[in-house]
PDB file of N, CA and C in Angstrom:
ATOM      1  N   MET A   1     120.395  93.004 117.567  1.00  0.00           N
ATOM      2  CA  MET A   1     120.287  92.021 118.611  1.00  0.00           C
ATOM      3  C   MET A   1     120.744  90.637 118.109  1.00  0.00           C
ATOM      4  N   GLY A   2     120.290  90.290 116.922  1.00  0.00           N
ATOM      5  CA  GLY A   2     120.660  88.995 116.360  1.00  0.00           C
ATOM      6  C   GLY A   2     122.137  88.897 116.050  1.00  0.00           C
ATOM      7  N   LEU A   3     122.717  89.997 115.577  1.00  0.00           N
ATOM      8  CA  LEU A   3     124.146  89.996 115.260  1.00  0.00           C
ATOM      9  C   LEU A   3     124.975  89.865 116.532  1.00  0.00           C
ATOM     10  N   CYS A   4     124.507  90.461 117.613  1.00  0.00           N
ATOM     11  CA  CYS A   4     125.204  90.315 118.905  1.00  0.00           C
ATOM     12  C   CYS A   4     125.155  88.856 119.371  1.00  0.00           C
ATOM     13  N   ALA A   5     123.994  88.251 119.255  1.00  0.00           N
ATOM     14  CA  ALA A   5     123.857  86.851 119.666  1.00  0.00           C
ATOM     15  C   ALA A   5     124.749  85.951 118.816  1.00  0.00           C
ATOM     16  N   LEU A   6     124.777  86.210 117.521  1.00  0.00           N
ATOM     17  CA  LEU A   6     125.635  85.414 116.635  1.00  0.00           C
ATOM     18  C   LEU A   6     127.106  85.598 116.990  1.00  0.00           C
ATOM     19  N   GLY A   7     127.501  86.836 117.264  1.00  0.00           N
ATOM     20  CA  GLY A   7     128.885  87.102 117.649  1.00  0.00           C
ATOM     21  C   GLY A   7     129.267  86.382 118.923  1.00  0.00           C
ATOM     22  N   LEU A   8     128.388  86.427 119.919  1.00  0.00           N
ATOM     23  CA  LEU A   8     128.677  85.738 121.179  1.00  0.00           C
ATOM     24  C   LEU A   8     128.739  84.225 120.992  1.00  0.00           C
ATOM     25  N   PHE A   9     127.853  83.701 120.148  1.00  0.00           N
ATOM     26  CA  PHE A   9     127.889  82.266 119.870  1.00  0.00           C
ATOM     27  C   PHE A   9     129.209  81.873 119.219  1.00  0.00           C
ATOM     28  N   LEU A  10     129.657  82.678 118.259  1.00  0.00           N
ATOM     29  CA  LEU A  10     130.903  82.355 117.566  1.00  0.00           C
ATOM     30  C   LEU A  10     132.102  82.433 118.511  1.00  0.00           C
ATOM     31  N   ILE A  11     132.079  83.390 119.432  1.00  0.00           N
ATOM     32  CA  ILE A  11     133.176  83.491 120.390  1.00  0.00           C
ATOM     33  C   ILE A  11     133.170  82.287 121.337  1.00  0.00           C
ATOM     34  N   ALA A  12     131.993  81.845 121.765  1.00  0.00           N
ATOM     35  CA  ALA A  12     131.890  80.739 122.727  1.00  0.00           C
ATOM     36  C   ALA A  12     132.076  79.368 122.078  1.00  0.00           C
ATOM     37  N   TYR A  13     131.968  79.283 120.752  1.00  0.00           N
ATOM     38  CA  TYR A  13     132.065  78.007 120.061  1.00  0.00           C
ATOM     39  C   TYR A  13     133.471  77.420 120.196  1.00  0.00           C
ATOM     40  N   VAL A  14     133.543  76.157 120.533  1.00  0.00           N
ATOM     41  CA  VAL A  14     134.826  75.465 120.663  1.00  0.00           C
ATOM     42  C   VAL A  14     134.934  74.487 119.491  1.00  0.00           C
ATOM     43  N   GLY A  15     135.818  74.796 118.566  1.00  0.00           N
ATOM     44  CA  GLY A  15     135.986  73.958 117.388  1.00  0.00           C
ATOM     45  C   GLY A  15     136.849  72.745 117.664  1.00  0.00           C
ATOM     46  N   GLU A  16     137.049  71.954 116.627  1.00  0.00           N
ATOM     47  CA  GLU A  16     137.809  70.719 116.767  1.00  0.00           C
ATOM     48  C   GLU A  16     139.305  70.964 116.915  1.00  0.00           C
ATOM     49  N   ASN A  17     139.803  72.037 116.307  1.00  0.00           N
ATOM     50  CA  ASN A  17     141.236  72.304 116.383  1.00  0.00           C
ATOM     51  C   ASN A  17     141.481  73.797 116.577  1.00  0.00           C
ATOM     52  N   LEU A  18     142.732  74.163 116.667  1.00  0.00           N
ATOM     53  CA  LEU A  18     143.095  75.551 116.925  1.00  0.00           C
ATOM     54  C   LEU A  18     142.630  76.470 115.800  1.00  0.00           C
ATOM     55  N   GLY A  19     142.725  76.009 114.576  1.00  0.00           N
ATOM     56  CA  GLY A  19     142.286  76.820 113.435  1.00  0.00           C
ATOM     57  C   GLY A  19     140.817  77.190 113.526  1.00  0.00           C
ATOM     58  N   ASP A  20     139.971  76.216 113.884  1.00  0.00           N
ATOM     59  CA  ASP A  20     138.543  76.484 114.048  1.00  0.00           C
ATOM     60  C   ASP A  20     138.298  77.498 115.153  1.00  0.00           C
ATOM     61  N   ARG A  21     138.991  77.347 116.251  1.00  0.00           N
ATOM     62  CA  ARG A  21     138.785  78.259 117.380  1.00  0.00           C
ATOM     63  C   ARG A  21     139.206  79.676 117.041  1.00  0.00           C
ATOM     64  N   VAL A  22     140.314  79.814 116.320  1.00  0.00           N
ATOM     65  CA  VAL A  22     140.796  81.148 115.950  1.00  0.00           C
ATOM     66  C   VAL A  22     139.833  81.807 114.967  1.00  0.00           C
ATOM     67  N   ILE A  23     139.432  81.082 113.951  1.00  0.00           N
ATOM     68  CA  ILE A  23     138.541  81.644 112.929  1.00  0.00           C
ATOM     69  C   ILE A  23     137.198  82.041 113.525  1.00  0.00           C
ATOM     70  N   THR A  24     136.583  81.163 114.305  1.00  0.00           N
ATOM     71  CA  THR A  24     135.273  81.498 114.874  1.00  0.00           C
ATOM     72  C   THR A  24     135.390  82.609 115.911  1.00  0.00           C
ATOM     73  N   GLY A  25     136.480  82.631 116.649  1.00  0.00           N
ATOM     74  CA  GLY A  25     136.676  83.712 117.613  1.00  0.00           C
ATOM     75  C   GLY A  25     136.799  85.063 116.921  1.00  0.00           C
ATOM     76  N   LEU A  26     137.589  85.121 115.859  1.00  0.00           N
ATOM     77  CA  LEU A  26     137.731  86.355 115.104  1.00  0.00           C
ATOM     78  C   LEU A  26     136.412  86.774 114.452  1.00  0.00           C
ATOM     79  N   ALA A  27     135.703  85.809 113.900  1.00  0.00           N
ATOM     80  CA  ALA A  27     134.416  86.119 113.280  1.00  0.00           C
ATOM     81  C   ALA A  27     133.444  86.686 114.314  1.00  0.00           C
ATOM     82  N   GLY A  28     133.456  86.131 115.517  1.00  0.00           N
ATOM     83  CA  GLY A  28     132.590  86.640 116.579  1.00  0.00           C
ATOM     84  C   GLY A  28     132.953  88.050 116.995  1.00  0.00           C
ATOM     85  N   VAL A  29     134.238  88.326 117.118  1.00  0.00           N
ATOM     86  CA  VAL A  29     134.679  89.680 117.488  1.00  0.00           C
ATOM     87  C   VAL A  29     134.310  90.670 116.397  1.00  0.00           C
ATOM     88  N   PHE A  30     134.504  90.297 115.141  1.00  0.00           N
ATOM     89  CA  PHE A  30     134.160  91.192 114.040  1.00  0.00           C
ATOM     90  C   PHE A  30     132.651  91.412 113.954  1.00  0.00           C
ATOM     91  N   ALA A  31     131.859  90.370 114.221  1.00  0.00           N
ATOM     92  CA  ALA A  31     130.397  90.534 114.219  1.00  0.00           C
ATOM     93  C   ALA A  31     129.964  91.508 115.301  1.00  0.00           C
ATOM     94  N   LEU A  32     130.569  91.414 116.486  1.00  0.00           N
ATOM     95  CA  LEU A  32     130.250  92.364 117.550  1.00  0.00           C
ATOM     96  C   LEU A  32     130.706  93.770 117.170  1.00  0.00           C
ATOM     97  N   GLY A  33     131.835  93.873 116.499  1.00  0.00           N
ATOM     98  CA  GLY A  33     132.304  95.180 116.045  1.00  0.00           C
ATOM     99  C   GLY A  33     131.334  95.830 115.072  1.00  0.00           C
ATOM    100  N   VAL A  34     130.795  95.044 114.164  1.00  0.00           N
ATOM    101  CA  VAL A  34     129.815  95.575 113.210  1.00  0.00           C
ATOM    102  C   VAL A  34     128.528  95.962 113.939  1.00  0.00           C
ATOM    103  N   ALA A  35     128.132  95.158 114.914  1.00  0.00           N
ATOM    104  CA  ALA A  35     126.895  95.436 115.640  1.00  0.00           C
ATOM    105  C   ALA A  35     126.994  96.700 116.485  1.00  0.00           C
ATOM    106  N   PHE A  36     128.132  96.926 117.126  1.00  0.00           N
ATOM    107  CA  PHE A  36     128.257  98.052 118.036  1.00  0.00           C
ATOM    108  C   PHE A  36     128.860  99.300 117.397  1.00  0.00           C
ATOM    109  N   CYS A  37     129.462  99.185 116.232  1.00  0.00           N
ATOM    110  CA  CYS A  37     130.082 100.340 115.560  1.00  0.00           C
ATOM    111  C   CYS A  37     129.591 100.430 114.116  1.00  0.00           C
ATOM    112  N   PRO A  38     128.305 100.662 113.908  1.00  0.00           N
ATOM    113  CA  PRO A  38     127.815 100.757 112.531  1.00  0.00           C
ATOM    114  C   PRO A  38     128.303 102.037 111.867  1.00  0.00           C
ATOM    115  N   THR A  39     128.339 102.040 110.573  1.00  0.00           N
ATOM    116  CA  THR A  39     128.745 103.220 109.820  1.00  0.00           C
ATOM    117  C   THR A  39     127.589 103.674 108.948  1.00  0.00           C
ATOM    118  N   THR A  40     127.602 104.924 108.566  1.00  0.00           N
ATOM    119  CA  THR A  40     126.575 105.439 107.674  1.00  0.00           C
ATOM    120  C   THR A  40     127.101 105.370 106.250  1.00  0.00           C
ATOM    121  N   PRO A  41     126.253 105.022 105.312  1.00  0.00           N
ATOM    122  CA  PRO A  41     126.710 104.927 103.921  1.00  0.00           C
ATOM    123  C   PRO A  41     127.023 106.312 103.358  1.00  0.00           C
ATOM    124  N   THR A  42     128.011 106.376 102.493  1.00  0.00           N
ATOM    125  CA  THR A  42     128.397 107.632 101.858  1.00  0.00           C
ATOM    126  C   THR A  42     128.093 107.604 100.364  1.00  0.00           C
ATOM    127  N   VAL A  43     127.106 106.836  99.974  1.00  0.00           N
ATOM    128  CA  VAL A  43     126.773 106.667  98.562  1.00  0.00           C
ATOM    129  C   VAL A  43     125.798 107.763  98.148  1.00  0.00           C
ATOM    130  N   THR A  44     126.080 108.382  97.021  1.00  0.00           N
ATOM    131  CA  THR A  44     125.154 109.368  96.483  1.00  0.00           C
ATOM    132  C   THR A  44     124.047 108.675  95.722  1.00  0.00           C
ATOM    133  N   SER A  45     123.065 109.424  95.274  1.00  0.00           N
ATOM    134  CA  SER A  45     121.892 108.821  94.649  1.00  0.00           C
ATOM    135  C   SER A  45     122.200 108.183  93.294  1.00  0.00           C
ATOM    136  N   THR A  46     123.129 108.736  92.510  1.00  0.00           N
ATOM    137  CA  THR A  46     123.426 108.181  91.187  1.00  0.00           C
ATOM    138  C   THR A  46     124.043 106.791  91.284  1.00  0.00           C
ATOM    139  N   PRO A  47     125.122 106.515  92.087  1.00  0.00           N
ATOM    140  CA  PRO A  47     125.631 105.139  92.212  1.00  0.00           C
ATOM    141  C   PRO A  47     124.591 104.198  92.797  1.00  0.00           C
ATOM    142  N   LYS A  48     123.685 104.726  93.665  1.00  0.00           N
ATOM    143  CA  LYS A  48     122.660 103.867  94.254  1.00  0.00           C
ATOM    144  C   LYS A  48     121.703 103.371  93.168  1.00  0.00           C
ATOM    145  N   LEU A  49     121.331 104.241  92.244  1.00  0.00           N
ATOM    146  CA  LEU A  49     120.450 103.822  91.155  1.00  0.00           C
ATOM    147  C   LEU A  49     121.119 102.771  90.281  1.00  0.00           C
ATOM    148  N   ARG A  50     122.407 102.952  90.006  1.00  0.00           N
ATOM    149  CA  ARG A  50     123.144 101.973  89.207  1.00  0.00           C
ATOM    150  C   ARG A  50     123.204 100.632  89.938  1.00  0.00           C
ATOM    151  N   ARG A  51     123.487 100.689  91.233  1.00  0.00           N
ATOM    152  CA  ARG A  51     123.556  99.462  92.037  1.00  0.00           C
ATOM    153  C   ARG A  51     122.214  98.750  92.066  1.00  0.00           C
ATOM    154  N   ASN A  52     121.128  99.511  92.209  1.00  0.00           N
ATOM    155  CA  ASN A  52     119.801  98.901  92.235  1.00  0.00           C
ATOM    156  C   ASN A  52     119.461  98.247  90.900  1.00  0.00           C
ATOM    157  N   ARG A  53     119.896  98.857  89.807  1.00  0.00           N
ATOM    158  CA  ARG A  53     119.670  98.234  88.497  1.00  0.00           C
ATOM    159  C   ARG A  53     120.434  96.917  88.388  1.00  0.00           C
ATOM    160  N   ILE A  54     121.657  96.909  88.864  1.00  0.00           N
ATOM    161  CA  ILE A  54     122.458  95.681  88.825  1.00  0.00           C
ATOM    162  C   ILE A  54     121.793  94.595  89.665  1.00  0.00           C
ATOM    163  N   TYR A  55     121.296  94.957  90.853  1.00  0.00           N
ATOM    164  CA  TYR A  55     120.596  93.987  91.696  1.00  0.00           C
ATOM    165  C   TYR A  55     119.357  93.451  90.997  1.00  0.00           C
ATOM    166  N   LEU A  56     118.619  94.325  90.326  1.00  0.00           N
ATOM    167  CA  LEU A  56     117.423  93.888  89.614  1.00  0.00           C
ATOM    168  C   LEU A  56     117.774  92.930  88.480  1.00  0.00           C
ATOM    169  N   ILE A  57     118.809  93.257  87.734  1.00  0.00           N
ATOM    170  CA  ILE A  57     119.241  92.371  86.644  1.00  0.00           C
ATOM    171  C   ILE A  57     119.681  91.016  87.195  1.00  0.00           C
ATOM    172  N   CYS A  58     120.422  91.024  88.299  1.00  0.00           N
ATOM    173  CA  CYS A  58     120.857  89.762  88.912  1.00  0.00           C
ATOM    174  C   CYS A  58     119.662  88.937  89.371  1.00  0.00           C
ATOM    175  N   ALA A  59     118.660  89.591  89.952  1.00  0.00           N
ATOM    176  CA  ALA A  59     117.466  88.879  90.411  1.00  0.00           C
ATOM    177  C   ALA A  59     116.724  88.253  89.237  1.00  0.00           C
ATOM    178  N   ILE A  60     116.619  88.985  88.134  1.00  0.00           N
ATOM    179  CA  ILE A  60     115.937  88.449  86.949  1.00  0.00           C
ATOM    180  C   ILE A  60     116.692  87.253  86.392  1.00  0.00           C
ATOM    181  N   VAL A  61     118.019  87.335  86.334  1.00  0.00           N
ATOM    182  CA  VAL A  61     118.828  86.223  85.829  1.00  0.00           C
ATOM    183  C   VAL A  61     118.679  84.998  86.730  1.00  0.00           C
ATOM    184  N   ILE A  62     118.675  85.205  88.041  1.00  0.00           N
ATOM    185  CA  ILE A  62     118.522  84.081  88.972  1.00  0.00           C
ATOM    186  C   ILE A  62     117.160  83.423  88.793  1.00  0.00           C
ATOM    187  N   LEU A  63     116.104  84.237  88.742  1.00  0.00           N
ATOM    188  CA  LEU A  63     114.759  83.675  88.569  1.00  0.00           C
ATOM    189  C   LEU A  63     114.625  82.959  87.230  1.00  0.00           C
ATOM    190  N   ALA A  64     115.205  83.515  86.162  1.00  0.00           N
ATOM    191  CA  ALA A  64     115.161  82.855  84.853  1.00  0.00           C
ATOM    192  C   ALA A  64     115.922  81.534  84.876  1.00  0.00           C
ATOM    193  N   SER A  65     117.028  81.480  85.604  1.00  0.00           N
ATOM    194  CA  SER A  65     117.800  80.236  85.704  1.00  0.00           C
ATOM    195  C   SER A  65     117.026  79.164  86.453  1.00  0.00           C
ATOM    196  N   VAL A  66     116.362  79.555  87.525  1.00  0.00           N
ATOM    197  CA  VAL A  66     115.546  78.591  88.287  1.00  0.00           C
ATOM    198  C   VAL A  66     114.399  78.090  87.417  1.00  0.00           C
ATOM    199  N   ALA A  67     113.741  79.005  86.711  1.00  0.00           N
ATOM    200  CA  ALA A  67     112.642  78.600  85.834  1.00  0.00           C
ATOM    201  C   ALA A  67     113.141  77.660  84.743  1.00  0.00           C
ATOM    202  N   ALA A  68     114.297  77.954  84.162  1.00  0.00           N
ATOM    203  CA  ALA A  68     114.857  77.087  83.121  1.00  0.00           C
ATOM    204  C   ALA A  68     115.197  75.711  83.680  1.00  0.00           C
ATOM    205  N   ALA A  69     115.708  75.652  84.906  1.00  0.00           N
ATOM    206  CA  ALA A  69     116.032  74.362  85.512  1.00  0.00           C
ATOM    207  C   ALA A  69     114.769  73.536  85.742  1.00  0.00           C
ATOM    208  N   VAL A  70     113.712  74.183  86.189  1.00  0.00           N
ATOM    209  CA  VAL A  70     112.450  73.472  86.422  1.00  0.00           C
ATOM    210  C   VAL A  70     111.860  72.992  85.102  1.00  0.00           C
ATOM    211  N   ILE A  71     111.871  73.856  84.099  1.00  0.00           N
ATOM    212  CA  ILE A  71     111.294  73.492  82.798  1.00  0.00           C
ATOM    213  C   ILE A  71     112.069  72.352  82.156  1.00  0.00           C
ATOM    214  N   THR A  72     113.395  72.423  82.170  1.00  0.00           N
ATOM    215  CA  THR A  72     114.180  71.359  81.553  1.00  0.00           C
ATOM    216  C   THR A  72     114.058  70.036  82.298  1.00  0.00           C
ATOM    217  N   ASN A  73     113.657  70.070  83.530  1.00  0.00           N
ATOM    218  CA  ASN A  73     113.459  68.834  84.295  1.00  0.00           C
ATOM    219  C   ASN A  73     112.267  68.061  83.759  1.00  0.00           C
ATOM    220  N   PHE A  74     111.295  68.769  83.187  1.00  0.00           N
ATOM    221  CA  PHE A  74     110.078  68.101  82.701  1.00  0.00           C
ATOM    222  C   PHE A  74     110.122  67.806  81.212  1.00  0.00           C
ATOM    223  N   LEU A  75     111.187  68.179  80.525  1.00  0.00           N
ATOM    224  CA  LEU A  75     111.290  67.887  79.089  1.00  0.00           C
ATOM    225  C   LEU A  75     111.627  66.419  78.890  1.00  0.00           C
ATOM    226  N   PRO A  76     111.094  65.841  77.811  1.00  0.00           N
ATOM    227  CA  PRO A  76     111.440  64.446  77.536  1.00  0.00           C
ATOM    228  C   PRO A  76     112.905  64.351  77.095  1.00  0.00           C
ATOM    229  N   GLY A  77     113.517  63.280  77.471  1.00  0.00           N
ATOM    230  CA  GLY A  77     114.916  63.100  77.102  1.00  0.00           C
ATOM    231  C   GLY A  77     115.433  61.783  77.648  1.00  0.00           C
ATOM    232  N   ASN A  78     116.714  61.631  77.617  1.00  0.00           N
ATOM    233  CA  ASN A  78     117.341  60.418  78.145  1.00  0.00           C
ATOM    234  C   ASN A  78     117.352  60.489  79.660  1.00  0.00           C
ATOM    235  N   ARG A  79     116.549  59.697  80.270  1.00  0.00           N
ATOM    236  CA  ARG A  79     116.531  59.629  81.733  1.00  0.00           C
ATOM    237  C   ARG A  79     117.204  58.343  82.147  1.00  0.00           C
ATOM    238  N   THR A  80     118.103  58.444  83.069  1.00  0.00           N
ATOM    239  CA  THR A  80     118.827  57.251  83.472  1.00  0.00           C
ATOM    240  C   THR A  80     118.322  56.741  84.794  1.00  0.00           C
TER     241      THR A  80
END
């Protein structure tokens, strides 16, 4: 339902120039295409496990990066 609404919004959106109108119109048509013509995945269980491990590793790296950014913000140093 949400993808249909987004597609219709993108089709109805009037951009500042022709490029904006073409891009948003195409994006809206493609969003409606995805909403009304879904496909079933053809992934077997072994690639799915590998993909899930990669997602888990990426999530851990992202969380560690956020934690490092927060921690380094509170370290003493040259503050301008």
